[in-house]
PDB file of N, CA and C in Angstrom:
ATOM      1  N   MET A   1       3.434  -5.393   3.417  1.00  0.00           N
ATOM      2  CA  MET A   1       3.839  -4.467   2.966  1.00  0.00           C
ATOM      3  C   MET A   1       4.856  -3.829   3.929  1.00  0.00           C
ATOM      4  N   ASN A   2       5.561  -3.089   3.238  1.00  0.00           N
ATOM      5  CA  ASN A   2       7.105  -2.463   3.768  1.00  0.00           C
ATOM      6  C   ASN A   2       7.338  -1.236   4.200  1.00  0.00           C
ATOM      7  N   PHE A   3       7.573  -0.825   5.369  1.00  0.00           N
ATOM      8  CA  PHE A   3       7.379   0.990   5.618  1.00  0.00           C
ATOM      9  C   PHE A   3       8.754   1.030   6.509  1.00  0.00           C
ATOM     10  N   PRO A   4      10.289   1.012   6.015  1.00  0.00           N
ATOM     11  CA  PRO A   4      11.288   1.286   6.634  1.00  0.00           C
ATOM     12  C   PRO A   4      10.954   2.615   7.391  1.00  0.00           C
ATOM     13  N   SER A   5      11.313   1.856   9.096  1.00  0.00           N
ATOM     14  CA  SER A   5      11.358   3.205   9.917  1.00  0.00           C
ATOM     15  C   SER A   5      12.223   4.240   9.777  1.00  0.00           C
ATOM     16  N   GLU A   6      13.436   4.547   9.105  1.00  0.00           N
ATOM     17  CA  GLU A   6      14.513   5.274   8.784  1.00  0.00           C
ATOM     18  C   GLU A   6      13.992   6.302   8.082  1.00  0.00           C
ATOM     19  N   LEU A   7      13.012   6.165   7.134  1.00  0.00           N
ATOM     20  CA  LEU A   7      12.584   7.070   6.203  1.00  0.00           C
ATOM     21  C   LEU A   7      11.591   7.973   6.548  1.00  0.00           C
ATOM     22  N   LYS A   8      11.124   9.036   6.027  1.00  0.00           N
ATOM     23  CA  LYS A   8      10.025  10.017   5.932  1.00  0.00           C
ATOM     24  C   LYS A   8       9.100   9.675   4.784  1.00  0.00           C
ATOM     25  N   TYR A   9       7.537   9.982   4.944  1.00  0.00           N
ATOM     26  CA  TYR A   9       6.834   9.696   3.865  1.00  0.00           C
ATOM     27  C   TYR A   9       5.999  10.786   3.671  1.00  0.00           C
ATOM     28  N   THR A  10       5.413  10.953   2.289  1.00  0.00           N
ATOM     29  CA  THR A  10       4.264  12.119   2.062  1.00  0.00           C
ATOM     30  C   THR A  10       2.844  11.579   1.687  1.00  0.00           C
ATOM     31  N   GLU A  11       1.992  12.487   1.769  1.00  0.00           N
ATOM     32  CA  GLU A  11       0.743  12.150   1.765  1.00  0.00           C
ATOM     33  C   GLU A  11       0.144  11.552  -0.142  1.00  0.00           C
ATOM     34  N   ASP A  12       1.371  11.943  -0.884  1.00  0.00           N
ATOM     35  CA  ASP A  12       1.503  11.669  -2.286  1.00  0.00           C
ATOM     36  C   ASP A  12       2.186  10.354  -2.440  1.00  0.00           C
ATOM     37  N   HIS A  13       2.534   9.753  -1.445  1.00  0.00           N
ATOM     38  CA  HIS A  13       3.001   8.200  -1.392  1.00  0.00           C
ATOM     39  C   HIS A  13       4.316   8.423  -2.045  1.00  0.00           C
ATOM     40  N   GLU A  14       5.482   9.541  -1.567  1.00  0.00           N
ATOM     41  CA  GLU A  14       6.868   9.208  -2.134  1.00  0.00           C
ATOM     42  C   GLU A  14       7.382   9.219  -0.592  1.00  0.00           C
ATOM     43  N   TRP A  15       8.800   8.701  -0.562  1.00  0.00           N
ATOM     44  CA  TRP A  15       9.506   8.100   0.208  1.00  0.00           C
ATOM     45  C   TRP A  15      10.910   8.930   0.384  1.00  0.00           C
ATOM     46  N   ILE A  16      11.369   9.759   1.223  1.00  0.00           N
ATOM     47  CA  ILE A  16      12.755  10.368   1.256  1.00  0.00           C
ATOM     48  C   ILE A  16      13.426   9.970   2.142  1.00  0.00           C
ATOM     49  N   ARG A  17      15.171   9.585   1.777  1.00  0.00           N
ATOM     50  CA  ARG A  17      15.953   9.275   3.078  1.00  0.00           C
ATOM     51  C   ARG A  17      16.967  10.313   2.801  1.00  0.00           C
ATOM     52  N   ILE A  18      17.193  11.121   3.759  1.00  0.00           N
ATOM     53  CA  ILE A  18      18.237  11.684   4.139  1.00  0.00           C
ATOM     54  C   ILE A  18      19.365  11.508   4.333  1.00  0.00           C
ATOM     55  N   GLU A  19      20.774  11.810   3.683  1.00  0.00           N
ATOM     56  CA  GLU A  19      22.005  11.300   3.736  1.00  0.00           C
ATOM     57  C   GLU A  19      22.844  12.512   3.265  1.00  0.00           C
ATOM     58  N   GLY A  20      23.131  13.222   4.907  1.00  0.00           N
ATOM     59  CA  GLY A  20      23.966  14.508   4.942  1.00  0.00           C
ATOM     60  C   GLY A  20      23.385  15.495   4.329  1.00  0.00           C
ATOM     61  N   ASP A  21      23.466  16.239   3.229  1.00  0.00           N
ATOM     62  CA  ASP A  21      22.935  17.113   2.624  1.00  0.00           C
ATOM     63  C   ASP A  21      22.253  17.095   1.364  1.00  0.00           C
ATOM     64  N   THR A  22      22.323  15.729   0.981  1.00  0.00           N
ATOM     65  CA  THR A  22      21.305  14.954   0.356  1.00  0.00           C
ATOM     66  C   THR A  22      20.385  14.163   0.506  1.00  0.00           C
ATOM     67  N   ALA A  23      19.484  13.868  -0.368  1.00  0.00           N
ATOM     68  CA  ALA A  23      18.021  12.840  -0.237  1.00  0.00           C
ATOM     69  C   ALA A  23      18.092  12.355  -1.216  1.00  0.00           C
ATOM     70  N   ILE A  24      17.569  10.918  -0.994  1.00  0.00           N
ATOM     71  CA  ILE A  24      17.330  10.138  -2.480  1.00  0.00           C
ATOM     72  C   ILE A  24      15.816   9.839  -1.967  1.00  0.00           C
ATOM     73  N   ILE A  25      15.026   9.865  -3.291  1.00  0.00           N
ATOM     74  CA  ILE A  25      13.373  10.149  -3.295  1.00  0.00           C
ATOM     75  C   ILE A  25      12.901   8.944  -4.134  1.00  0.00           C
ATOM     76  N   GLY A  26      11.925   8.124  -3.703  1.00  0.00           N
ATOM     77  CA  GLY A  26      11.333   7.451  -4.651  1.00  0.00           C
ATOM     78  C   GLY A  26       9.815   7.003  -4.195  1.00  0.00           C
ATOM     79  N   ILE A  27       9.125   6.016  -4.667  1.00  0.00           N
ATOM     80  CA  ILE A  27       7.506   6.007  -4.277  1.00  0.00           C
ATOM     81  C   ILE A  27       7.489   4.909  -3.196  1.00  0.00           C
ATOM     82  N   THR A  28       6.521   4.813  -2.661  1.00  0.00           N
ATOM     83  CA  THR A  28       6.505   3.922  -1.459  1.00  0.00           C
ATOM     84  C   THR A  28       5.702   2.589  -2.017  1.00  0.00           C
ATOM     85  N   ASP A  29       6.128   1.500  -1.047  1.00  0.00           N
ATOM     86  CA  ASP A  29       5.413   0.251  -1.584  1.00  0.00           C
ATOM     87  C   ASP A  29       4.040  -0.205  -1.641  1.00  0.00           C
ATOM     88  N   HIS A  30       3.506   0.822  -0.730  1.00  0.00           N
ATOM     89  CA  HIS A  30       1.732   1.053  -1.086  1.00  0.00           C
ATOM     90  C   HIS A  30       1.542   1.656  -2.489  1.00  0.00           C
ATOM     91  N   ALA A  31       2.533   2.530  -2.869  1.00  0.00           N
ATOM     92  CA  ALA A  31       2.251   3.437  -4.174  1.00  0.00           C
ATOM     93  C   ALA A  31       2.341   2.262  -5.436  1.00  0.00           C
ATOM     94  N   GLN A  32       3.562   1.774  -5.363  1.00  0.00           N
ATOM     95  CA  GLN A  32       3.780   0.925  -6.357  1.00  0.00           C
ATOM     96  C   GLN A  32       2.742  -0.273  -6.385  1.00  0.00           C
ATOM     97  N   ASN A  33       2.238  -0.847  -5.282  1.00  0.00           N
ATOM     98  CA  ASN A  33       1.250  -1.807  -5.502  1.00  0.00           C
ATOM     99  C   ASN A  33      -0.253  -1.178  -5.659  1.00  0.00           C
ATOM    100  N   GLU A  34      -0.548  -0.072  -5.666  1.00  0.00           N
ATOM    101  CA  GLU A  34      -1.629   0.671  -6.305  1.00  0.00           C
ATOM    102  C   GLU A  34      -1.623   0.656  -7.770  1.00  0.00           C
ATOM    103  N   LEU A  35      -0.744   1.417  -8.144  1.00  0.00           N
ATOM    104  CA  LEU A  35      -0.015   1.368  -9.521  1.00  0.00           C
ATOM    105  C   LEU A  35       0.117   0.625 -10.339  1.00  0.00           C
ATOM    106  N   GLY A  36       0.049  -0.825  -9.794  1.00  0.00           N
ATOM    107  CA  GLY A  36       0.283  -2.156 -10.451  1.00  0.00           C
ATOM    108  C   GLY A  36       1.815  -2.129 -11.113  1.00  0.00           C
ATOM    109  N   ASP A  37       2.065  -2.976 -12.320  1.00  0.00           N
ATOM    110  CA  ASP A  37       3.185  -2.989 -13.105  1.00  0.00           C
ATOM    111  C   ASP A  37       3.514  -1.817 -14.059  1.00  0.00           C
ATOM    112  N   ILE A  38       5.036  -1.520 -13.174  1.00  0.00           N
ATOM    113  CA  ILE A  38       5.209  -0.186 -13.540  1.00  0.00           C
ATOM    114  C   ILE A  38       6.287  -0.334 -15.012  1.00  0.00           C
ATOM    115  N   VAL A  39       5.723   0.341 -16.200  1.00  0.00           N
ATOM    116  CA  VAL A  39       6.309   0.069 -17.564  1.00  0.00           C
ATOM    117  C   VAL A  39       7.378   1.246 -18.194  1.00  0.00           C
ATOM    118  N   TYR A  40       7.425   2.363 -17.460  1.00  0.00           N
ATOM    119  CA  TYR A  40       8.346   3.549 -17.530  1.00  0.00           C
ATOM    120  C   TYR A  40       8.342   4.704 -16.736  1.00  0.00           C
ATOM    121  N   VAL A  41       9.248   4.869 -16.368  1.00  0.00           N
ATOM    122  CA  VAL A  41       9.715   6.097 -15.024  1.00  0.00           C
ATOM    123  C   VAL A  41      10.288   7.396 -16.070  1.00  0.00           C
ATOM    124  N   ASP A  42       9.662   8.364 -16.062  1.00  0.00           N
ATOM    125  CA  ASP A  42       9.955   9.860 -16.877  1.00  0.00           C
ATOM    126  C   ASP A  42      10.568  10.857 -16.208  1.00  0.00           C
ATOM    127  N   ILE A  43      11.689  10.907 -15.717  1.00  0.00           N
ATOM    128  CA  ILE A  43      12.268  11.957 -15.397  1.00  0.00           C
ATOM    129  C   ILE A  43      13.209  13.007 -16.047  1.00  0.00           C
ATOM    130  N   ASN A  44      13.212  13.990 -16.256  1.00  0.00           N
ATOM    131  CA  ASN A  44      14.110  14.832 -17.116  1.00  0.00           C
ATOM    132  C   ASN A  44      14.179  16.353 -16.007  1.00  0.00           C
ATOM    133  N   THR A  45      14.179  16.280 -14.989  1.00  0.00           N
ATOM    134  CA  THR A  45      14.504  17.493 -13.943  1.00  0.00           C
ATOM    135  C   THR A  45      15.767  17.673 -13.537  1.00  0.00           C
ATOM    136  N   VAL A  46      16.947  16.878 -14.206  1.00  0.00           N
ATOM    137  CA  VAL A  46      18.473  16.961 -13.598  1.00  0.00           C
ATOM    138  C   VAL A  46      18.693  18.421 -13.631  1.00  0.00           C
ATOM    139  N   GLY A  47      19.404  19.031 -12.558  1.00  0.00           N
ATOM    140  CA  GLY A  47      19.755  20.206 -12.624  1.00  0.00           C
ATOM    141  C   GLY A  47      18.753  21.241 -12.369  1.00  0.00           C
ATOM    142  N   GLU A  48      17.373  20.878 -11.785  1.00  0.00           N
ATOM    143  CA  GLU A  48      16.330  21.906 -11.697  1.00  0.00           C
ATOM    144  C   GLU A  48      16.349  22.117 -10.281  1.00  0.00           C
ATOM    145  N   ALA A  49      16.245  23.182  -9.913  1.00  0.00           N
ATOM    146  CA  ALA A  49      15.973  23.477  -8.500  1.00  0.00           C
ATOM    147  C   ALA A  49      14.214  23.791  -8.417  1.00  0.00           C
ATOM    148  N   LEU A  50      14.042  22.707  -7.681  1.00  0.00           N
ATOM    149  CA  LEU A  50      12.221  22.689  -7.541  1.00  0.00           C
ATOM    150  C   LEU A  50      11.896  23.152  -5.904  1.00  0.00           C
ATOM    151  N   GLN A  51      10.742  23.283  -5.989  1.00  0.00           N
ATOM    152  CA  GLN A  51      10.304  23.561  -4.604  1.00  0.00           C
ATOM    153  C   GLN A  51       9.187  22.307  -4.049  1.00  0.00           C
ATOM    154  N   LYS A  52       9.361  22.478  -2.614  1.00  0.00           N
ATOM    155  CA  LYS A  52       8.247  21.287  -2.110  1.00  0.00           C
ATOM    156  C   LYS A  52       7.208  21.149  -2.736  1.00  0.00           C
ATOM    157  N   GLY A  53       6.382  19.957  -3.351  1.00  0.00           N
ATOM    158  CA  GLY A  53       5.480  19.800  -4.160  1.00  0.00           C
ATOM    159  C   GLY A  53       5.585  19.888  -5.462  1.00  0.00           C
ATOM    160  N   ASP A  54       6.462  20.210  -5.931  1.00  0.00           N
ATOM    161  CA  ASP A  54       6.847  20.233  -7.314  1.00  0.00           C
ATOM    162  C   ASP A  54       7.022  19.124  -8.070  1.00  0.00           C
ATOM    163  N   VAL A  55       6.285  19.054  -9.632  1.00  0.00           N
ATOM    164  CA  VAL A  55       6.442  17.473 -10.036  1.00  0.00           C
ATOM    165  C   VAL A  55       7.933  17.621 -10.569  1.00  0.00           C
ATOM    166  N   PHE A  56       8.621  16.245  -9.943  1.00  0.00           N
ATOM    167  CA  PHE A  56       9.922  16.355 -10.639  1.00  0.00           C
ATOM    168  C   PHE A  56       9.931  14.814 -11.920  1.00  0.00           C
ATOM    169  N   GLY A  57       8.917  14.284 -12.066  1.00  0.00           N
ATOM    170  CA  GLY A  57       8.270  13.076 -13.128  1.00  0.00           C
ATOM    171  C   GLY A  57       7.318  12.743 -13.224  1.00  0.00           C
ATOM    172  N   SER A  58       7.440  11.430 -13.903  1.00  0.00           N
ATOM    173  CA  SER A  58       6.278  10.704 -13.794  1.00  0.00           C
ATOM    174  C   SER A  58       6.260   9.240 -14.095  1.00  0.00           C
ATOM    175  N   VAL A  59       5.361   8.268 -13.659  1.00  0.00           N
ATOM    176  CA  VAL A  59       5.285   6.895 -13.207  1.00  0.00           C
ATOM    177  C   VAL A  59       4.203   6.672 -14.115  1.00  0.00           C
ATOM    178  N   GLU A  60       4.870   5.283 -15.321  1.00  0.00           N
ATOM    179  CA  GLU A  60       3.650   5.063 -16.323  1.00  0.00           C
ATOM    180  C   GLU A  60       3.442   3.566 -15.785  1.00  0.00           C
ATOM    181  N   ALA A  61       2.289   3.060 -15.643  1.00  0.00           N
ATOM    182  CA  ALA A  61       1.909   1.582 -14.686  1.00  0.00           C
ATOM    183  C   ALA A  61       0.848   1.375 -16.386  1.00  0.00           C
ATOM    184  N   VAL A  62       0.566   0.323 -16.229  1.00  0.00           N
ATOM    185  CA  VAL A  62      -0.304  -0.407 -17.740  1.00  0.00           C
ATOM    186  C   VAL A  62      -1.421   0.576 -17.856  1.00  0.00           C
ATOM    187  N   LYS A  63      -2.339   0.734 -16.987  1.00  0.00           N
ATOM    188  CA  LYS A  63      -3.154   1.401 -16.833  1.00  0.00           C
ATOM    189  C   LYS A  63      -3.457   3.087 -16.461  1.00  0.00           C
ATOM    190  N   THR A  64      -2.179   3.778 -16.063  1.00  0.00           N
ATOM    191  CA  THR A  64      -2.488   4.744 -15.312  1.00  0.00           C
ATOM    192  C   THR A  64      -0.717   5.264 -15.988  1.00  0.00           C
ATOM    193  N   VAL A  65      -1.075   6.895 -15.695  1.00  0.00           N
ATOM    194  CA  VAL A  65       0.318   7.508 -15.609  1.00  0.00           C
ATOM    195  C   VAL A  65       0.114   8.600 -14.144  1.00  0.00           C
ATOM    196  N   SER A  66       1.119   8.087 -13.199  1.00  0.00           N
ATOM    197  CA  SER A  66       0.964   9.312 -12.335  1.00  0.00           C
ATOM    198  C   SER A  66       2.165  10.331 -11.942  1.00  0.00           C
ATOM    199  N   ASP A  67       2.105  11.526 -11.540  1.00  0.00           N
ATOM    200  CA  ASP A  67       2.942  12.422 -11.686  1.00  0.00           C
ATOM    201  C   ASP A  67       3.921  12.547  -9.901  1.00  0.00           C
ATOM    202  N   LEU A  68       4.762  12.598  -9.753  1.00  0.00           N
ATOM    203  CA  LEU A  68       5.695  12.263  -8.761  1.00  0.00           C
ATOM    204  C   LEU A  68       5.842  13.739  -8.287  1.00  0.00           C
ATOM    205  N   PHE A  69       5.728  13.950  -6.960  1.00  0.00           N
ATOM    206  CA  PHE A  69       6.050  15.208  -6.372  1.00  0.00           C
ATOM    207  C   PHE A  69       7.206  15.312  -5.380  1.00  0.00           C
ATOM    208  N   LEU A  70       8.037  16.506  -5.386  1.00  0.00           N
ATOM    209  CA  LEU A  70       9.403  16.601  -4.649  1.00  0.00           C
ATOM    210  C   LEU A  70       8.715  16.553  -3.143  1.00  0.00           C
ATOM    211  N   PRO A  71       9.025  15.934  -2.270  1.00  0.00           N
ATOM    212  CA  PRO A  71       8.812  15.979  -0.595  1.00  0.00           C
ATOM    213  C   PRO A  71       8.996  17.088  -0.088  1.00  0.00           C
ATOM    214  N   ILE A  72      10.284  17.744  -0.392  1.00  0.00           N
ATOM    215  CA  ILE A  72      11.024  18.940  -0.060  1.00  0.00           C
ATOM    216  C   ILE A  72      11.770  19.767  -0.832  1.00  0.00           C
ATOM    217  N   ALA A  73      12.207  21.168  -0.745  1.00  0.00           N
ATOM    218  CA  ALA A  73      12.714  21.807  -1.902  1.00  0.00           C
ATOM    219  C   ALA A  73      14.143  21.059  -2.159  1.00  0.00           C
ATOM    220  N   GLY A  74      14.555  21.418  -3.216  1.00  0.00           N
ATOM    221  CA  GLY A  74      15.915  21.133  -3.391  1.00  0.00           C
ATOM    222  C   GLY A  74      16.390  20.924  -5.118  1.00  0.00           C
ATOM    223  N   THR A  75      17.533  20.619  -5.269  1.00  0.00           N
ATOM    224  CA  THR A  75      17.980  20.657  -6.982  1.00  0.00           C
ATOM    225  C   THR A  75      18.337  18.698  -7.635  1.00  0.00           C
ATOM    226  N   VAL A  76      17.756  18.455  -8.135  1.00  0.00           N
ATOM    227  CA  VAL A  76      17.563  17.521  -8.608  1.00  0.00           C
ATOM    228  C   VAL A  76      19.132  17.260  -9.261  1.00  0.00           C
ATOM    229  N   LEU A  77      19.774  16.313  -8.404  1.00  0.00           N
ATOM    230  CA  LEU A  77      21.356  15.991  -8.626  1.00  0.00           C
ATOM    231  C   LEU A  77      21.659  14.776  -9.989  1.00  0.00           C
ATOM    232  N   GLU A  78      20.500  13.791  -9.832  1.00  0.00           N
ATOM    233  CA  GLU A  78      20.825  12.590 -10.239  1.00  0.00           C
ATOM    234  C   GLU A  78      19.506  11.878 -10.662  1.00  0.00           C
ATOM    235  N   ILE A  79      19.300  10.965 -11.461  1.00  0.00           N
ATOM    236  CA  ILE A  79      18.328   9.992 -11.697  1.00  0.00           C
ATOM    237  C   ILE A  79      18.805   8.910 -11.743  1.00  0.00           C
ATOM    238  N   ASN A  80      17.807   7.726 -11.172  1.00  0.00           N
ATOM    239  CA  ASN A  80      18.527   6.322 -11.171  1.00  0.00           C
ATOM    240  C   ASN A  80      18.619   5.996 -12.523  1.00  0.00           C
ATOM    241  N   GLU A  81      19.363   5.824 -13.498  1.00  0.00           N
ATOM    242  CA  GLU A  81      19.646   5.226 -14.842  1.00  0.00           C
ATOM    243  C   GLU A  81      18.825   3.877 -14.949  1.00  0.00           C
ATOM    244  N   GLN A  82      19.188   3.039 -13.771  1.00  0.00           N
ATOM    245  CA  GLN A  82      18.780   1.632 -13.887  1.00  0.00           C
ATOM    246  C   GLN A  82      17.143   1.645 -14.600  1.00  0.00           C
ATOM    247  N   LEU A  83      16.389   2.622 -13.989  1.00  0.00           N
ATOM    248  CA  LEU A  83      15.093   2.567 -14.398  1.00  0.00           C
ATOM    249  C   LEU A  83      15.001   2.742 -15.542  1.00  0.00           C
ATOM    250  N   ASP A  84      15.650   3.069 -16.783  1.00  0.00           N
ATOM    251  CA  ASP A  84      15.507   3.639 -18.290  1.00  0.00           C
ATOM    252  C   ASP A  84      15.252   1.972 -18.416  1.00  0.00           C
ATOM    253  N   GLY A  85      16.368   1.093 -18.302  1.00  0.00           N
ATOM    254  CA  GLY A  85      15.849  -0.311 -19.097  1.00  0.00           C
ATOM    255  C   GLY A  85      14.952  -1.283 -17.619  1.00  0.00           C
ATOM    256  N   GLU A  86      15.125  -0.900 -16.717  1.00  0.00           N
ATOM    257  CA  GLU A  86      14.223  -1.633 -15.711  1.00  0.00           C
ATOM    258  C   GLU A  86      12.774  -1.531 -14.766  1.00  0.00           C
ATOM    259  N   PRO A  87      12.269  -0.722 -15.236  1.00  0.00           N
ATOM    260  CA  PRO A  87      11.498   0.240 -14.424  1.00  0.00           C
ATOM    261  C   PRO A  87      10.810  -0.585 -13.436  1.00  0.00           C
ATOM    262  N   GLU A  88      10.793  -2.063 -14.108  1.00  0.00           N
ATOM    263  CA  GLU A  88      10.158  -2.812 -12.819  1.00  0.00           C
ATOM    264  C   GLU A  88      10.945  -2.902 -11.791  1.00  0.00           C
ATOM    265  N   LEU A  89      12.517  -2.490 -11.186  1.00  0.00           N
ATOM    266  CA  LEU A  89      12.738  -2.313 -10.041  1.00  0.00           C
ATOM    267  C   LEU A  89      11.914  -1.407  -9.054  1.00  0.00           C
ATOM    268  N   VAL A  90      10.946  -0.518  -9.405  1.00  0.00           N
ATOM    269  CA  VAL A  90      10.327   0.066  -8.673  1.00  0.00           C
ATOM    270  C   VAL A  90       8.942  -0.785  -7.941  1.00  0.00           C
ATOM    271  N   ASN A  91       8.683  -1.659  -8.897  1.00  0.00           N
ATOM    272  CA  ASN A  91       7.759  -2.659  -7.839  1.00  0.00           C
ATOM    273  C   ASN A  91       8.374  -3.821  -7.137  1.00  0.00           C
ATOM    274  N   SER A  92       9.592  -4.219  -7.544  1.00  0.00           N
ATOM    275  CA  SER A  92      10.336  -5.237  -7.084  1.00  0.00           C
ATOM    276  C   SER A  92      11.224  -5.111  -5.492  1.00  0.00           C
ATOM    277  N   ASP A  93      11.602  -3.524  -5.762  1.00  0.00           N
ATOM    278  CA  ASP A  93      12.655  -2.886  -4.512  1.00  0.00           C
ATOM    279  C   ASP A  93      12.425  -1.469  -4.713  1.00  0.00           C
ATOM    280  N   PRO A  94      11.136  -1.168  -4.097  1.00  0.00           N
ATOM    281  CA  PRO A  94      10.935   0.424  -4.222  1.00  0.00           C
ATOM    282  C   PRO A  94      11.728   1.690  -3.382  1.00  0.00           C
ATOM    283  N   TYR A  95      12.239   0.685  -1.910  1.00  0.00           N
ATOM    284  CA  TYR A  95      12.946   1.334  -1.271  1.00  0.00           C
ATOM    285  C   TYR A  95      14.564   1.092  -1.288  1.00  0.00           C
ATOM    286  N   GLY A  96      15.070   0.660  -2.369  1.00  0.00           N
ATOM    287  CA  GLY A  96      16.485   0.330  -2.605  1.00  0.00           C
ATOM    288  C   GLY A  96      16.668   0.364  -4.289  1.00  0.00           C
ATOM    289  N   ASN A  97      16.684  -0.535  -4.921  1.00  0.00           N
ATOM    290  CA  ASN A  97      17.225  -0.376  -6.331  1.00  0.00           C
ATOM    291  C   ASN A  97      16.270   0.510  -7.083  1.00  0.00           C
ATOM    292  N   GLY A  98      14.858   0.700  -6.737  1.00  0.00           N
ATOM    293  CA  GLY A  98      14.153   1.380  -7.301  1.00  0.00           C
ATOM    294  C   GLY A  98      13.833   2.787  -7.007  1.00  0.00           C
ATOM    295  N   TRP A  99      14.723   3.016  -6.523  1.00  0.00           N
ATOM    296  CA  TRP A  99      14.820   4.642  -5.883  1.00  0.00           C
ATOM    297  C   TRP A  99      14.803   5.521  -7.308  1.00  0.00           C
ATOM    298  N   MET A 100      14.314   6.934  -7.049  1.00  0.00           N
ATOM    299  CA  MET A 100      14.112   7.663  -8.439  1.00  0.00           C
ATOM    300  C   MET A 100      14.710   9.020  -8.514  1.00  0.00           C
ATOM    301  N   VAL A 101      15.336   9.641  -7.615  1.00  0.00           N
ATOM    302  CA  VAL A 101      16.207  10.739  -7.761  1.00  0.00           C
ATOM    303  C   VAL A 101      16.733  11.072  -6.604  1.00  0.00           C
ATOM    304  N   ARG A 102      17.895  11.569  -6.689  1.00  0.00           N
ATOM    305  CA  ARG A 102      19.103  12.242  -5.380  1.00  0.00           C
ATOM    306  C   ARG A 102      18.958  13.595  -5.820  1.00  0.00           C
ATOM    307  N   ILE A 103      18.362  14.106  -4.784  1.00  0.00           N
ATOM    308  CA  ILE A 103      18.723  15.570  -4.623  1.00  0.00           C
ATOM    309  C   ILE A 103      19.302  16.651  -3.523  1.00  0.00           C
ATOM    310  N   SER A 104      19.777  17.384  -4.003  1.00  0.00           N
ATOM    311  CA  SER A 104      20.701  18.400  -2.828  1.00  0.00           C
ATOM    312  C   SER A 104      19.271  19.230  -1.913  1.00  0.00           C
ATOM    313  N   LEU A 105      19.587  19.417  -0.832  1.00  0.00           N
ATOM    314  CA  LEU A 105      18.367  19.888   0.169  1.00  0.00           C
ATOM    315  C   LEU A 105      18.889  21.183   0.026  1.00  0.00           C
ATOM    316  N   ALA A 106      17.225  21.994  -0.276  1.00  0.00           N
ATOM    317  CA  ALA A 106      17.777  23.816  -0.071  1.00  0.00           C
ATOM    318  C   ALA A 106      17.448  23.839   1.293  1.00  0.00           C
ATOM    319  N   SER A 107      16.571  23.458   2.085  1.00  0.00           N
ATOM    320  CA  SER A 107      16.147  23.824   3.542  1.00  0.00           C
ATOM    321  C   SER A 107      16.287  22.225   4.172  1.00  0.00           C
ATOM    322  N   PRO A 108      17.656  22.424   5.006  1.00  0.00           N
ATOM    323  CA  PRO A 108      17.754  20.652   5.338  1.00  0.00           C
ATOM    324  C   PRO A 108      16.707  21.341   7.013  1.00  0.00           C
ATOM    325  N   GLY A 109      16.028  19.961   7.355  1.00  0.00           N
ATOM    326  CA  GLY A 109      15.138  20.096   7.913  1.00  0.00           C
ATOM    327  C   GLY A 109      13.828  20.099   7.780  1.00  0.00           C
ATOM    328  N   GLU A 110      13.769  20.275   6.558  1.00  0.00           N
ATOM    329  CA  GLU A 110      12.235  20.776   5.678  1.00  0.00           C
ATOM    330  C   GLU A 110      11.395  19.137   5.949  1.00  0.00           C
ATOM    331  N   GLU A 111      12.578  18.300   5.794  1.00  0.00           N
ATOM    332  CA  GLU A 111      11.724  16.840   5.959  1.00  0.00           C
ATOM    333  C   GLU A 111      11.338  16.708   7.234  1.00  0.00           C
ATOM    334  N   ASP A 112      11.466  17.422   8.621  1.00  0.00           N
ATOM    335  CA  ASP A 112      10.644  17.079   9.857  1.00  0.00           C
ATOM    336  C   ASP A 112       9.225  17.499   9.731  1.00  0.00           C
ATOM    337  N   GLY A 113       8.712  18.003   8.797  1.00  0.00           N
ATOM    338  CA  GLY A 113       7.395  18.107   8.774  1.00  0.00           C
ATOM    339  C   GLY A 113       6.724  16.635   7.844  1.00  0.00           C
ATOM    340  N   LEU A 114       7.457  16.061   7.556  1.00  0.00           N
ATOM    341  CA  LEU A 114       6.985  14.892   6.866  1.00  0.00           C
ATOM    342  C   LEU A 114       6.355  13.773   8.029  1.00  0.00           C
ATOM    343  N   MET A 115       5.699  12.757   7.371  1.00  0.00           N
ATOM    344  CA  MET A 115       5.155  11.742   8.005  1.00  0.00           C
ATOM    345  C   MET A 115       6.266  10.509   8.407  1.00  0.00           C
ATOM    346  N   SER A 116       6.533  10.099   9.738  1.00  0.00           N
ATOM    347  CA  SER A 116       7.073   9.103   9.995  1.00  0.00           C
ATOM    348  C   SER A 116       6.161   7.563   9.366  1.00  0.00           C
ATOM    349  N   ALA A 117       7.149   6.320   9.566  1.00  0.00           N
ATOM    350  CA  ALA A 117       6.401   5.202   9.101  1.00  0.00           C
ATOM    351  C   ALA A 117       5.199   4.817   9.743  1.00  0.00           C
ATOM    352  N   GLU A 118       5.188   5.141  11.196  1.00  0.00           N
ATOM    353  CA  GLU A 118       4.275   4.805  11.657  1.00  0.00           C
ATOM    354  C   GLU A 118       2.849   5.677  11.056  1.00  0.00           C
ATOM    355  N   ASP A 119       3.031   7.080  11.014  1.00  0.00           N
ATOM    356  CA  ASP A 119       2.227   7.849  10.799  1.00  0.00           C
ATOM    357  C   ASP A 119       1.485   7.652   8.963  1.00  0.00           C
ATOM    358  N   TYR A 120       2.554   7.172   8.397  1.00  0.00           N
ATOM    359  CA  TYR A 120       2.178   6.691   7.091  1.00  0.00           C
ATOM    360  C   TYR A 120       1.153   5.555   7.006  1.00  0.00           C
ATOM    361  N   GLN A 121       1.542   4.550   7.663  1.00  0.00           N
ATOM    362  CA  GLN A 121       0.612   3.427   8.035  1.00  0.00           C
ATOM    363  C   GLN A 121      -0.830   3.758   8.351  1.00  0.00           C
ATOM    364  N   LYS A 122      -0.569   4.867   9.234  1.00  0.00           N
ATOM    365  CA  LYS A 122      -2.217   4.737   9.684  1.00  0.00           C
ATOM    366  C   LYS A 122      -2.870   5.900   8.651  1.00  0.00           C
ATOM    367  N   PHE A 123      -2.040   6.936   7.977  1.00  0.00           N
ATOM    368  CA  PHE A 123      -2.757   7.532   6.826  1.00  0.00           C
ATOM    369  C   PHE A 123      -2.961   6.649   5.848  1.00  0.00           C
ATOM    370  N   ILE A 124      -2.724   5.349   5.334  1.00  0.00           N
ATOM    371  CA  ILE A 124      -3.011   4.591   4.748  1.00  0.00           C
ATOM    372  C   ILE A 124      -3.859   3.716   5.065  1.00  0.00           C
ATOM    373  N   GLY A 125      -3.916   3.406   6.217  1.00  0.00           N
ATOM    374  CA  GLY A 125      -4.919   2.304   7.111  1.00  0.00           C
ATOM    375  C   GLY A 125      -4.354   1.331   6.865  1.00  0.00           C
ATOM    376  N   ALA A 126      -3.230   0.899   6.844  1.00  0.00           N
ATOM    377  CA  ALA A 126      -2.250  -0.417   6.617  1.00  0.00           C
ATOM    378  C   ALA A 126      -2.414  -0.839   8.280  1.00  0.00           C
TER     379      ALA A 126
END
């Protein structure tokens, strides 16, 4: 399983990559593995200002639907349009082409309270 060290992680199994005053968010390799084959990604929060922990969308796998939680406060700027036609990118490339949303940061530095790759591995028992 893959745990890129430059990312931060949440207990809800989202990852976040900070890029200046924006961030890219997706679900972890562990999460996609637990969910199984992703068949649909539903995100309709573009333009919305959300707080840390708010639901920004959901992923549907063959046997379950799971909410997606924002790791830090921000405004959803963009969704990954590729996921409309290829939701399986979340399974095959969760940290690359399987990203879900790009947000503008409401409180830069808020990500400091999230888990490192090492902490996340301990959290999931990897």
